[in-house]
Amino acid sequence: MPKFIKPVEGDPTKCRCLKCKDSTKNIQGKKMLVNSVYLHVKSDIQRENTPQNELTQLDQLIKDIESFPLTKKRQKQTENLEKDSEGNKNYLNFVGFLMSQNLSYSQIQSIGEYLKDLAKNNNLGFLKKMSFDE
């Protein structure tokens, strides 16, 4: 994937596929959010723009992406979410909001871990007390 997916300079939330055309500017190098790279790699558009001699490599990449195992930590988190439907709803709303702000998965993970540490130490009271206006 690093051969044809490149980061966009100055914007860590976006990358460029060198094999696909940007439909708005009709130039080589389709821009997309980093969060949607795996979906793009598995798309028909990617397959159409991949040269015949590289299709087996693309198929292998897709197979690797789909077979990537969940870590034990992530499996445990998923099981815990299924048990707590209200917590699940709040979690999904929170993650949905963060994604709507065009944050990358790693940024969302960092924010989540930081908030989790604050919650462990009962240090989230400032959220009710403080204003976040400019």
Protein backbone atom coordinates (compact mmCIF):
# COMPACT_ATOMS: atom_id res chain seq x y z
CA MET A 1 0.00 0.00 0.00
CA PRO A 2 2.79 2.55 0.68
CA LYS A 3 3.69 2.32 -3.01
CA PHE A 4 0.45 3.91 -4.19
CA ILE A 5 -1.10 5.57 -1.09
CA LYS A 6 0.79 8.71 -0.10
CA PRO A 7 0.09 11.32 2.61
CA VAL A 8 -1.08 14.81 1.60
CA GLU A 9 1.45 17.38 2.77
CA GLY A 10 0.13 19.75 5.38
CA ASP A 11 -2.99 17.69 6.14
CA PRO A 12 -2.51 14.59 8.32
CA THR A 13 -6.17 13.60 7.89
CA LYS A 14 -5.91 13.10 4.12
CA CYS A 15 -3.97 10.91 1.72
CA ARG A 16 -3.78 10.39 -2.03
CA CYS A 17 -4.14 7.26 -4.17
CA LEU A 18 -1.68 7.57 -7.03
CA LYS A 19 -3.50 4.98 -9.15
CA CYS A 20 -6.91 6.72 -9.22
CA LYS A 21 -8.02 10.01 -10.74
CA ASP A 22 -9.47 12.82 -8.68
CA SER A 23 -12.97 13.20 -10.12
CA THR A 24 -13.25 16.91 -9.28
CA LYS A 25 -9.98 18.00 -10.92
CA ASN A 26 -9.58 15.09 -13.36
CA ILE A 27 -5.95 14.63 -12.34
CA GLN A 28 -4.10 11.53 -11.19
CA GLY A 29 -4.01 11.23 -7.39
CA LYS A 30 -7.44 10.88 -5.79
CA LYS A 31 -7.60 12.57 -2.38
CA MET A 32 -9.44 10.87 0.48
CA LEU A 33 -9.63 10.82 4.25
CA VAL A 34 -7.12 8.54 5.92
CA ASN A 35 -10.06 6.83 7.63
CA SER A 36 -11.39 5.55 4.29
CA VAL A 37 -8.21 4.06 2.84
CA TYR A 38 -9.17 0.42 3.49
CA LEU A 39 -12.59 0.89 1.91
CA HIS A 40 -10.98 2.52 -1.13
CA VAL A 41 -8.42 -0.27 -1.53
CA LYS A 42 -11.27 -2.82 -1.57
CA SER A 43 -13.40 -0.76 -4.00
CA ASP A 44 -14.17 -1.46 -7.67
CA ILE A 45 -12.60 1.88 -8.60
CA GLN A 46 -9.25 0.75 -7.19
CA ARG A 47 -9.51 -2.56 -9.06
CA GLU A 48 -10.28 -0.78 -12.35
CA ASN A 49 -7.29 1.54 -11.95
CA THR A 50 -4.83 -1.17 -10.96
CA PRO A 51 -2.73 -2.52 -13.85
CA GLN A 52 -3.36 -6.16 -14.80
CA ASN A 53 0.10 -7.25 -13.68
CA GLU A 54 -0.56 -5.88 -10.14
CA LEU A 55 -4.02 -7.39 -9.57
CA THR A 56 -2.64 -10.40 -7.69
CA GLN A 57 -0.81 -8.04 -5.32
CA LEU A 58 -4.02 -6.05 -4.83
CA ASP A 59 -5.96 -9.25 -4.10
CA GLN A 60 -3.33 -10.25 -1.55
CA LEU A 61 -3.51 -6.80 0.09
CA ILE A 62 -7.31 -7.06 0.34
CA LYS A 63 -7.01 -10.56 1.78
CA ASP A 64 -4.50 -9.29 4.37
CA ILE A 65 -6.78 -6.40 5.34
CA GLU A 66 -9.83 -8.64 5.74
CA SER A 67 -7.99 -11.31 7.70
CA PHE A 68 -6.34 -8.88 10.12
CA PRO A 69 -7.23 -10.32 13.53
CA LEU A 70 -8.68 -8.20 16.29
CA THR A 71 -6.35 -7.90 19.24
CA LYS A 72 -7.41 -9.50 22.50
CA LYS A 73 -7.81 -6.05 24.02
CA ARG A 74 -10.13 -4.97 21.20
CA GLN A 75 -12.13 -8.22 21.39
CA LYS A 76 -12.64 -7.65 25.12
CA GLN A 77 -13.77 -4.05 24.48
CA THR A 78 -16.25 -5.26 21.88
CA GLU A 79 -17.68 -7.86 24.27
CA ASN A 80 -18.03 -5.26 27.03
CA LEU A 81 -19.87 -2.89 24.69
CA GLU A 82 -22.37 -5.58 23.74
CA LYS A 83 -23.26 -6.05 27.43
CA ASP A 84 -23.91 -2.35 28.10
CA SER A 85 -26.42 -1.01 25.57
CA GLU A 86 -26.63 2.54 27.04
CA GLY A 87 -22.84 2.73 27.22
CA ASN A 88 -22.72 1.39 23.68
CA LYS A 89 -25.06 4.14 22.48
CA ASN A 90 -23.02 6.86 24.22
CA TYR A 91 -19.76 5.42 22.92
CA LEU A 92 -21.02 5.34 19.33
CA ASN A 93 -22.35 8.89 19.61
CA PHE A 94 -19.00 10.09 20.94
CA VAL A 95 -16.94 8.27 18.29
CA GLY A 96 -19.37 9.45 15.60
CA PHE A 97 -18.88 13.05 16.72
CA LEU A 98 -15.09 12.70 16.68
CA MET A 99 -15.22 11.20 13.17
CA SER A 100 -17.47 14.06 12.00
CA GLN A 101 -14.65 16.38 13.05
CA ASN A 102 -12.37 14.58 10.56
CA LEU A 103 -10.12 13.18 13.26
CA SER A 104 -8.01 10.19 12.31
CA TYR A 105 -8.43 6.84 14.04
CA SER A 106 -5.17 7.38 15.93
CA GLN A 107 -6.33 10.81 17.13
CA ILE A 108 -9.65 9.32 18.28
CA GLN A 109 -7.76 6.56 20.08
CA SER A 110 -5.50 9.10 21.82
CA ILE A 111 -8.46 11.20 22.98
CA GLY A 112 -10.25 8.09 24.21
CA GLU A 113 -7.24 6.86 26.17
CA TYR A 114 -6.73 10.31 27.70
CA LEU A 115 -10.38 10.55 28.78
CA LYS A 116 -10.24 7.01 30.16
CA ASP A 117 -7.21 7.93 32.30
CA LEU A 118 -9.00 11.04 33.57
CA ALA A 119 -12.09 8.99 34.41
CA LYS A 120 -10.02 6.43 36.36
CA ASN A 121 -8.71 9.23 38.57
CA ASN A 122 -12.11 10.96 38.86
CA ASN A 123 -10.77 14.05 37.11
CA LEU A 124 -13.61 14.70 34.65
CA GLY A 125 -15.45 17.22 36.85
CA PHE A 126 -13.98 20.11 34.88
CA LEU A 127 -16.24 19.19 31.93
CA LYS A 128 -19.31 20.37 33.87
CA LYS A 129 -17.64 23.45 35.33
CA MET A 130 -15.60 24.89 32.46
CA SER A 131 -16.64 26.67 29.28
CA PHE A 132 -14.93 25.90 25.98
CA ASP A 133 -15.85 29.12 24.19
CA GLU A 134 -13.17 30.90 22.18
